[in-house]
C-alpha atoms as a PDB file:
ATOM      1  CA  MET A   1      -0.089  -0.058  -0.120  1.00  0.00           C
ATOM      2  CA  LEU A   2       2.724   2.162   0.674  1.00  0.00           C
ATOM      3  CA  ALA A   3       4.851   3.889  -2.378  1.00  0.00           C
ATOM      4  CA  GLY A   4       8.255   3.624  -0.349  1.00  0.00           C
ATOM      5  CA  CYS A   5       9.470   3.253   3.324  1.00  0.00           C
ATOM      6  CA  ALA A   6      12.209   5.855   3.687  1.00  0.00           C
ATOM      7  CA  SER A   7      12.300   7.507   6.759  1.00  0.00           C
ATOM      8  CA  THR A   8      13.623  11.027   6.767  1.00  0.00           C
ATOM      9  CA  HIS A   9      13.934  13.837   9.482  1.00  0.00           C
ATOM     10  CA  GLY A  10      13.070  16.735   7.775  1.00  0.00           C
ATOM     11  CA  SER A  11       9.937  17.541   9.284  1.00  0.00           C
ATOM     12  CA  ALA A  12       9.343  18.742  12.932  1.00  0.00           C
ATOM     13  CA  PRO A  13       7.938  16.338  14.880  1.00  0.00           C
ATOM     14  CA  ILE A  14       4.878  16.748  17.261  1.00  0.00           C
ATOM     15  CA  ARG A  15       6.183  16.751  20.988  1.00  0.00           C
ATOM     16  CA  GLU A  16       4.204  16.761  24.282  1.00  0.00           C
ATOM     17  CA  ARG A  17       3.290  20.325  25.184  1.00  0.00           C
ATOM     18  CA  PHE A  18       3.348  21.606  29.212  1.00  0.00           C
ATOM     19  CA  PRO A  19       1.783  24.696  30.251  1.00  0.00           C
ATOM     20  CA  ALA A  20       4.308  27.032  31.212  1.00  0.00           C
ATOM     21  CA  ALA A  21       4.279  29.391  34.558  1.00  0.00           C
ATOM     22  CA  ALA A  22       3.468  32.810  33.703  1.00  0.00           C
ATOM     23  CA  ASN A  23       5.797  35.608  34.538  1.00  0.00           C
ATOM     24  CA  LYS A  24       2.807  37.780  36.494  1.00  0.00           C
ATOM     25  CA  PRO A  25       2.403  38.490  40.071  1.00  0.00           C
ATOM     26  CA  PRO A  26       0.100  36.018  41.841  1.00  0.00           C
ATOM     27  CA  ALA A  27      -3.260  38.418  41.432  1.00  0.00           C
ATOM     28  CA  ALA A  28      -2.622  38.654  37.802  1.00  0.00           C
ATOM     29  CA  ARG A  29      -2.351  34.750  37.584  1.00  0.00           C
ATOM     30  CA  ILE A  30      -5.577  34.058  39.368  1.00  0.00           C
ATOM     31  CA  VAL A  31      -7.455  36.126  36.875  1.00  0.00           C
ATOM     32  CA  SER A  32      -5.609  35.092  33.565  1.00  0.00           C
ATOM     33  CA  SER A  33      -4.121  31.647  34.193  1.00  0.00           C
ATOM     34  CA  VAL A  34      -4.655  28.702  36.078  1.00  0.00           C
ATOM     35  CA  ALA A  35      -2.332  26.265  38.363  1.00  0.00           C
ATOM     36  CA  PHE A  36       0.247  23.827  36.889  1.00  0.00           C
ATOM     37  CA  GLY A  37      -1.975  20.905  36.258  1.00  0.00           C
ATOM     38  CA  ARG A  38      -5.241  22.347  35.655  1.00  0.00           C
ATOM     39  CA  TYR A  39      -6.561  23.890  32.320  1.00  0.00           C
ATOM     40  CA  ARG A  40      -9.039  26.873  31.423  1.00  0.00           C
ATOM     41  CA  VAL A  41     -11.699  25.282  28.960  1.00  0.00           C
ATOM     42  CA  LEU A  42     -11.628  27.272  25.622  1.00  0.00           C
ATOM     43  CA  PRO A  43     -14.635  28.070  23.141  1.00  0.00           C
ATOM     44  CA  GLY A  44     -14.787  25.208  20.979  1.00  0.00           C
ATOM     45  CA  ASP A  45     -12.849  22.860  23.162  1.00  0.00           C
ATOM     46  CA  THR A  46     -14.136  19.245  23.559  1.00  0.00           C
ATOM     47  CA  LEU A  47     -13.089  16.979  26.543  1.00  0.00           C
ATOM     48  CA  TYR A  48     -11.180  14.632  24.045  1.00  0.00           C
ATOM     49  CA  LYS A  49      -9.537  17.660  22.690  1.00  0.00           C
ATOM     50  CA  ILE A  50      -8.304  18.615  25.988  1.00  0.00           C
ATOM     51  CA  ALA A  51      -7.136  15.033  26.850  1.00  0.00           C
ATOM     52  CA  PHE A  52      -5.272  14.393  23.380  1.00  0.00           C
ATOM     53  CA  GLU A  53      -3.625  17.583  24.230  1.00  0.00           C
ATOM     54  CA  HIS A  54      -2.410  16.637  27.430  1.00  0.00           C
ATOM     55  CA  GLY A  55      -1.893  12.999  26.789  1.00  0.00           C
ATOM     56  CA  GLN A  56      -4.154  11.581  28.994  1.00  0.00           C
ATOM     57  CA  ASP A  57      -7.335   9.112  28.742  1.00  0.00           C
ATOM     58  CA  PRO A  58     -10.634  11.071  28.221  1.00  0.00           C
ATOM     59  CA  MET A  59     -12.432   8.831  30.531  1.00  0.00           C
ATOM     60  CA  ALA A  60      -9.777   9.598  33.315  1.00  0.00           C
ATOM     61  CA  LEU A  61     -10.232  13.229  32.867  1.00  0.00           C
ATOM     62  CA  ALA A  62     -13.957  13.074  33.290  1.00  0.00           C
ATOM     63  CA  SER A  63     -13.770  11.231  36.388  1.00  0.00           C
ATOM     64  CA  TRP A  64     -10.870  13.430  38.083  1.00  0.00           C
ATOM     65  CA  ASN A  65     -13.134  16.232  37.440  1.00  0.00           C
ATOM     66  CA  ARG A  66     -16.664  14.280  38.479  1.00  0.00           C
ATOM     67  CA  LEU A  67     -18.081  15.989  35.189  1.00  0.00           C
ATOM     68  CA  ALA A  68     -21.891  15.519  35.285  1.00  0.00           C
ATOM     69  CA  ASP A  69     -21.782  15.369  31.342  1.00  0.00           C
ATOM     70  CA  PRO A  70     -18.283  14.501  29.768  1.00  0.00           C
ATOM     71  CA  ASP A  71     -19.920  16.009  26.360  1.00  0.00           C
ATOM     72  CA  ARG A  72     -20.798  18.995  27.796  1.00  0.00           C
ATOM     73  CA  ILE A  73     -18.130  21.247  29.214  1.00  0.00           C
ATOM     74  CA  ARG A  74     -18.200  25.111  29.566  1.00  0.00           C
ATOM     75  CA  GLY A  75     -15.871  27.627  28.306  1.00  0.00           C
ATOM     76  CA  GLY A  76     -14.096  29.113  31.180  1.00  0.00           C
ATOM     77  CA  ASP A  77     -14.241  25.865  33.581  1.00  0.00           C
ATOM     78  CA  ILE A  78     -10.961  24.905  34.895  1.00  0.00           C
ATOM     79  CA  LEU A  79     -10.311  21.286  34.343  1.00  0.00           C
ATOM     80  CA  LEU A  80      -7.388  19.358  36.499  1.00  0.00           C
ATOM     81  CA  VAL A  81      -5.625  17.750  33.553  1.00  0.00           C
ATOM     82  CA  VAL A  82      -3.015  15.492  35.427  1.00  0.00           C
ATOM     83  CA  PRO A  83      -3.770  12.713  37.978  1.00  0.00           C
ATOM     84  CA  PRO A  84      -4.892  14.328  40.985  1.00  0.00           C
ATOM     85  CA  GLN A  85      -4.143  13.890  44.776  1.00  0.00           C
ATOM     86  CA  PRO A  86      -5.672  11.429  47.320  1.00  0.00           C
ATOM     87  CA  ASP A  87      -8.284  11.992  49.525  1.00  0.00           C
ATOM     88  CA  VAL A  88     -10.493  15.387  48.812  1.00  0.00           C
ATOM     89  CA  ALA A  89     -13.303  15.381  45.860  1.00  0.00           C
ATOM     90  CA  THR A  90     -13.948  18.331  43.958  1.00  0.00           C
ATOM     91  CA  HIS A  91     -16.036  18.780  40.606  1.00  0.00           C
ATOM     92  CA  ALA A  92     -14.991  20.751  37.160  1.00  0.00           C
ATOM     93  CA  LEU A  93     -14.364  24.248  38.849  1.00  0.00           C
ATOM     94  CA  PRO A  94     -16.530  27.071  37.079  1.00  0.00           C
ATOM     95  CA  ALA A  95     -14.845  30.174  35.305  1.00  0.00           C
ATOM     96  CA  THR A  96     -14.817  32.393  38.527  1.00  0.00           C
ATOM     97  CA  ALA A  97     -13.096  29.913  40.854  1.00  0.00           C
ATOM     98  CA  MET A  98      -9.777  30.766  42.387  1.00  0.00           C
ATOM     99  CA  VAL A  99      -6.763  28.761  40.941  1.00  0.00           C
ATOM    100  CA  GLU A 100      -5.734  27.615  44.573  1.00  0.00           C
ATOM    101  CA  THR A 101      -7.641  24.854  44.560  1.00  0.00           C
ATOM    102  CA  LYS A 102      -8.077  21.686  46.800  1.00  0.00           C
ATOM    103  CA  ALA A 103      -6.480  18.198  45.918  1.00  0.00           C
ATOM    104  CA  LEU A 104      -9.204  15.845  44.069  1.00  0.00           C
ATOM    105  CA  ALA A 105      -9.862  12.383  44.749  1.00  0.00           C
ATOM    106  CA  PRO A 106      -8.103   9.652  43.054  1.00  0.00           C
ATOM    107  CA  PRO A 107      -9.665   8.674  39.677  1.00  0.00           C
ATOM    108  CA  VAL A 108     -12.693   6.296  39.682  1.00  0.00           C
ATOM    109  CA  ILE A 109     -12.406   5.122  35.652  1.00  0.00           C
ATOM    110  CA  ALA A 110     -15.498   3.913  34.587  1.00  0.00           C
ATOM    111  CA  LYS A 111     -15.927   0.539  33.340  1.00  0.00           C
ATOM    112  CA  PRO A 112     -18.961  -1.105  31.300  1.00  0.00           C
ATOM    113  CA  GLY A 113     -21.652  -2.176  33.915  1.00  0.00           C
ATOM    114  CA  ASN A 114     -20.529   0.601  37.024  1.00  0.00           C
ATOM    115  CA  THR A 115     -23.667   2.074  38.504  1.00  0.00           C
ATOM    116  CA  ALA A 116     -24.199   4.839  40.569  1.00  0.00           C
ATOM    117  CA  ALA A 117     -23.521   2.782  43.318  1.00  0.00           C
ATOM    118  CA  SER A 118     -19.945   2.323  42.286  1.00  0.00           C
ATOM    119  CA  GLY A 119     -19.244   6.079  42.544  1.00  0.00           C
ATOM    120  CA  VAL A 120     -19.361   7.039  39.169  1.00  0.00           C
ATOM    121  CA  PRO A 121     -21.709   9.633  37.955  1.00  0.00           C
ATOM    122  CA  PRO A 122     -24.480   8.095  35.538  1.00  0.00           C
ATOM    123  CA  ALA A 123     -23.365  10.445  32.561  1.00  0.00           C
ATOM    124  CA  LEU A 124     -19.788   8.942  32.955  1.00  0.00           C
ATOM    125  CA  ASP A 125     -21.576   5.558  33.205  1.00  0.00           C
ATOM    126  CA  ASN A 126     -23.041   5.938  30.043  1.00  0.00           C
ATOM    127  CA  PHE A 127     -19.983   7.429  28.620  1.00  0.00           C
ATOM    128  CA  ALA A 128     -17.865   4.589  29.389  1.00  0.00           C
ATOM    129  CA  THR A 129     -20.329   2.278  27.705  1.00  0.00           C
ATOM    130  CA  SER A 130     -21.285   3.768  24.353  1.00  0.00           C
ATOM    131  CA  ASP A 131     -19.776   3.089  21.370  1.00  0.00           C
ATOM    132  CA  ASP A 132     -17.744   0.462  23.209  1.00  0.00           C
ATOM    133  CA  ALA A 133     -16.901  -2.058  20.538  1.00  0.00           C
ATOM    134  CA  PRO A 134     -13.233  -2.069  19.719  1.00  0.00           C
ATOM    135  CA  PRO A 135     -12.509  -1.876  16.236  1.00  0.00           C
ATOM    136  CA  ASP A 136     -12.069  -5.584  14.701  1.00  0.00           C
ATOM    137  CA  ALA A 137      -9.734  -4.417  11.556  1.00  0.00           C
ATOM    138  CA  TRP A 138      -7.922  -1.284  10.634  1.00  0.00           C
ATOM    139  CA  SER A 139      -6.798   0.255   7.198  1.00  0.00           C
ATOM    140  CA  TRP A 140      -4.428   2.674   6.201  1.00  0.00           C
ATOM    141  CA  PRO A 141      -5.827   6.234   6.323  1.00  0.00           C
ATOM    142  CA  VAL A 142      -4.017   7.430   3.195  1.00  0.00           C
ATOM    143  CA  ARG A 143      -1.787   5.708   0.322  1.00  0.00           C
ATOM    144  CA  GLY A 144       1.591   7.740  -0.087  1.00  0.00           C
ATOM    145  CA  SER A 145       5.444   6.992   0.965  1.00  0.00           C
ATOM    146  CA  LEU A 146       6.425   6.739   4.707  1.00  0.00           C
ATOM    147  CA  LEU A 147       8.138   9.798   5.533  1.00  0.00           C
ATOM    148  CA  SER A 148       8.757   8.960   9.124  1.00  0.00           C
ATOM    149  CA  ARG A 149       8.089   6.503  11.873  1.00  0.00           C
ATOM    150  CA  PHE A 150       6.549   6.195  15.651  1.00  0.00           C
ATOM    151  CA  GLY A 151       9.240   7.548  17.952  1.00  0.00           C
ATOM    152  CA  GLU A 152      11.873   9.340  15.519  1.00  0.00           C
ATOM    153  CA  ASP A 153      12.956  12.542  16.957  1.00  0.00           C
ATOM    154  CA  LEU A 154      10.085  12.058  19.268  1.00  0.00           C
ATOM    155  CA  ASN A 155       7.320  11.408  16.738  1.00  0.00           C
ATOM    156  CA  LYS A 156       3.964  10.265  18.399  1.00  0.00           C
ATOM    157  CA  GLY A 157       2.830   8.991  15.089  1.00  0.00           C
ATOM    158  CA  ILE A 158       3.618   8.359  11.582  1.00  0.00           C
ATOM    159  CA  ASP A 159       3.872  10.761   8.615  1.00  0.00           C
ATOM    160  CA  ILE A 160       2.794  10.038   5.191  1.00  0.00           C
ATOM    161  CA  ALA A 161       3.413  11.890   2.021  1.00  0.00           C
ATOM    162  CA  ALA A 162       0.570  12.230  -0.551  1.00  0.00           C
ATOM    163  CA  ALA A 163      -0.695  14.424  -3.297  1.00  0.00           C
ATOM    164  CA  ARG A 164      -2.410  17.562  -2.079  1.00  0.00           C
ATOM    165  CA  GLY A 165      -6.336  16.866  -1.940  1.00  0.00           C
ATOM    166  CA  ALA A 166      -6.048  13.411  -1.761  1.00  0.00           C
ATOM    167  CA  PRO A 167      -8.620  11.562   0.419  1.00  0.00           C
ATOM    168  CA  VAL A 168      -8.010  11.074   4.086  1.00  0.00           C
ATOM    169  CA  ARG A 169      -9.776   8.011   5.558  1.00  0.00           C
ATOM    170  CA  ALA A 170     -10.978   7.065   8.463  1.00  0.00           C
ATOM    171  CA  ALA A 171      -8.587   4.049   9.769  1.00  0.00           C
ATOM    172  CA  ALA A 172     -11.350   2.121  11.842  1.00  0.00           C
ATOM    173  CA  PRO A 173     -15.012   2.600  12.300  1.00  0.00           C
ATOM    174  CA  GLY A 174     -16.063   5.122  15.326  1.00  0.00           C
ATOM    175  CA  ARG A 175     -17.373   8.727  16.201  1.00  0.00           C
ATOM    176  CA  VAL A 176     -15.568  12.195  15.420  1.00  0.00           C
ATOM    177  CA  VAL A 177     -15.088  13.711  18.681  1.00  0.00           C
ATOM    178  CA  TYR A 178     -12.703  16.558  17.664  1.00  0.00           C
ATOM    179  CA  ALA A 179     -12.648  18.574  14.445  1.00  0.00           C
ATOM    180  CA  GLY A 180     -10.752  21.453  14.350  1.00  0.00           C
ATOM    181  CA  SER A 181      -7.751  23.648  14.335  1.00  0.00           C
ATOM    182  CA  GLY A 182      -7.164  24.363  17.979  1.00  0.00           C
ATOM    183  CA  LEU A 183      -4.202  22.505  18.964  1.00  0.00           C
ATOM    184  CA  ARG A 184      -0.966  24.155  17.660  1.00  0.00           C
ATOM    185  CA  GLY A 185       1.318  21.935  15.535  1.00  0.00           C
ATOM    186  CA  TYR A 186      -1.705  19.716  14.520  1.00  0.00           C
ATOM    187  CA  GLY A 187      -3.612  22.081  11.890  1.00  0.00           C
ATOM    188  CA  LYS A 188      -7.169  21.053  11.027  1.00  0.00           C
ATOM    189  CA  LEU A 189      -7.487  17.600  13.109  1.00  0.00           C
ATOM    190  CA  ILE A 190      -9.647  15.124  13.267  1.00  0.00           C
ATOM    191  CA  ILE A 191      -9.964  12.741  16.081  1.00  0.00           C
ATOM    192  CA  ILE A 192     -11.964   9.785  16.074  1.00  0.00           C
ATOM    193  CA  ARG A 193     -13.189   7.360  19.126  1.00  0.00           C
ATOM    194  CA  HIS A 194     -12.653   4.094  18.598  1.00  0.00           C
ATOM    195  CA  GLY A 195     -14.692   1.912  21.282  1.00  0.00           C
ATOM    196  CA  THR A 196     -13.474   3.089  25.135  1.00  0.00           C
ATOM    197  CA  THR A 197      -9.585   3.021  25.189  1.00  0.00           C
ATOM    198  CA  LEU A 198      -8.746   4.150  21.818  1.00  0.00           C
ATOM    199  CA  LEU A 199      -8.563   7.303  19.447  1.00  0.00           C
ATOM    200  CA  SER A 200      -7.450   7.959  16.085  1.00  0.00           C
ATOM    201  CA  ALA A 201      -5.989  11.647  14.720  1.00  0.00           C
ATOM    202  CA  TYR A 202      -5.442  12.666  11.560  1.00  0.00           C
ATOM    203  CA  ALA A 203      -3.402  16.007  11.252  1.00  0.00           C
ATOM    204  CA  HIS A 204      -2.560  18.957   8.820  1.00  0.00           C
ATOM    205  CA  ASN A 205      -5.857  18.398   6.646  1.00  0.00           C
ATOM    206  CA  ALA A 206      -6.525  21.105   3.856  1.00  0.00           C
ATOM    207  CA  ARG A 207     -10.250  20.628   4.545  1.00  0.00           C
ATOM    208  CA  ILE A 208     -12.077  18.510   7.260  1.00  0.00           C
ATOM    209  CA  LEU A 209     -15.278  16.411   5.724  1.00  0.00           C
ATOM    210  CA  VAL A 210     -16.681  15.457   9.390  1.00  0.00           C
ATOM    211  CA  THR A 211     -18.627  17.140  11.920  1.00  0.00           C
ATOM    212  CA  GLU A 212     -18.028  16.436  15.604  1.00  0.00           C
ATOM    213  CA  GLY A 213     -20.739  13.268  16.876  1.00  0.00           C
ATOM    214  CA  GLN A 214     -20.658  11.891  13.352  1.00  0.00           C
ATOM    215  CA  HIS A 215     -20.272   8.263  13.260  1.00  0.00           C
ATOM    216  CA  VAL A 216     -17.983   7.000  10.396  1.00  0.00           C
ATOM    217  CA  ARG A 217     -17.002   3.821   8.491  1.00  0.00           C
ATOM    218  CA  ARG A 218     -13.864   2.087   8.143  1.00  0.00           C
ATOM    219  CA  GLY A 219     -12.637   3.650   4.697  1.00  0.00           C
ATOM    220  CA  GLN A 220     -14.751   6.433   5.092  1.00  0.00           C
ATOM    221  CA  THR A 221     -13.511   9.688   3.734  1.00  0.00           C
ATOM    222  CA  VAL A 222     -13.052  12.115   6.537  1.00  0.00           C
ATOM    223  CA  GLY A 223     -10.556  14.985   5.365  1.00  0.00           C
ATOM    224  CA  GLU A 224      -8.228  16.043   2.529  1.00  0.00           C
ATOM    225  CA  ILE A 225      -4.655  15.954   2.627  1.00  0.00           C
ATOM    226  CA  GLY A 226      -2.736  19.300   2.977  1.00  0.00           C
ATOM    227  CA  ASP A 227      -0.136  21.133   5.020  1.00  0.00           C
ATOM    228  CA  SER A 228      -1.917  23.267   7.813  1.00  0.00           C
ATOM    229  CA  ASP A 229       0.596  23.873  10.551  1.00  0.00           C
ATOM    230  CA  ALA A 230       3.106  21.905   8.312  1.00  0.00           C
ATOM    231  CA  ASP A 231       6.260  22.192   6.649  1.00  0.00           C
ATOM    232  CA  ARG A 232       4.958  20.319   3.830  1.00  0.00           C
ATOM    233  CA  VAL A 233       2.087  18.387   2.443  1.00  0.00           C
ATOM    234  CA  LYS A 234       1.696  15.162   4.207  1.00  0.00           C
ATOM    235  CA  LEU A 235      -0.901  13.054   6.667  1.00  0.00           C
ATOM    236  CA  HIS A 236       0.672  12.914  10.382  1.00  0.00           C
ATOM    237  CA  PHE A 237      -1.344  10.171  11.684  1.00  0.00           C
ATOM    238  CA  GLU A 238      -1.724   8.883  15.492  1.00  0.00           C
ATOM    239  CA  ILE A 239      -3.631   6.156  17.604  1.00  0.00           C
ATOM    240  CA  ARG A 240      -3.592   6.437  21.178  1.00  0.00           C
ATOM    241  CA  GLU A 241      -4.439   4.117  23.865  1.00  0.00           C
ATOM    242  CA  PHE A 242      -5.885   5.193  27.218  1.00  0.00           C
ATOM    243  CA  GLY A 243      -4.622   8.750  25.667  1.00  0.00           C
ATOM    244  CA  LYS A 244      -0.999   7.803  25.467  1.00  0.00           C
ATOM    245  CA  PRO A 245       0.459   7.304  21.890  1.00  0.00           C
ATOM    246  CA  VAL A 246       1.258   4.061  20.463  1.00  0.00           C
ATOM    247  CA  ASP A 247       2.903   3.271  17.302  1.00  0.00           C
ATOM    248  CA  PRO A 248       0.373   2.857  14.719  1.00  0.00           C
ATOM    249  CA  LEU A 249       2.218   0.255  12.380  1.00  0.00           C
ATOM    250  CA  ASN A 250       1.572  -2.339  15.263  1.00  0.00           C
ATOM    251  CA  TYR A 251      -2.293  -1.569  14.063  1.00  0.00           C
ATOM    252  CA  LEU A 252      -2.345  -1.201  10.645  1.00  0.00           C
ATOM    253  CA  PRO A 253      -2.323  -3.997   8.062  1.00  0.00           C
ATOM    254  CA  ASN A 254       1.300  -5.043   6.596  1.00  0.00           C
ATOM    255  CA  ALA A 255       2.270  -2.780   3.522  1.00  0.00           C
ATOM    256  CA  GLY A 256       3.690  -5.417   1.760  1.00  0.00           C
END
């Protein structure tokens, strides 16, 4: 399927990004910033986008913040995006909350079959059990030459060269959980959820052809190859398990 497997190091890898401490007095930080390990929700954010950006499992993020409905977060809310401290529980913080908050209870990772008696909010229980069938097969998202592999120069996925405008296809059936350009370094990005543990991501699109919440089939066209926020025309493709990048070549069929 691939036109070639030559690996180059010409493209800038996509790396983890962590919030830097602002050089502002404490009073200013309370108004315009948040404490390390927390994130202020922006317009257009989804829980999946935030989890993806911070390398966390979306279900864990929802549990840490005791979200009443993981699919509905509000602009301005402050979310914990690192594993919490034990013993003290809280909810997602409203926009007006001070950043000096108490530590949170340890995460309760929802699993199929959990009930309210388990301590998992009903909405989170539904979040865990919906769309829970894992993919039974994967396919290549685009035909082209392999530019770089997982782990090269801290690359969190693989990069595939193809002609501008070539179709980008869903690598497995699932639901679109993010479609936008809110993550620096990814350009026009599509994230698809597969079951309860896996996400696939398609970056640097010229056009996005799906919307958030849409269910897609394996092989369905979701975007067009481009170079948005990239140094060349290519597709950057990732697979994440429990929020952590894994080698896509372990999932995709042998190119032969």
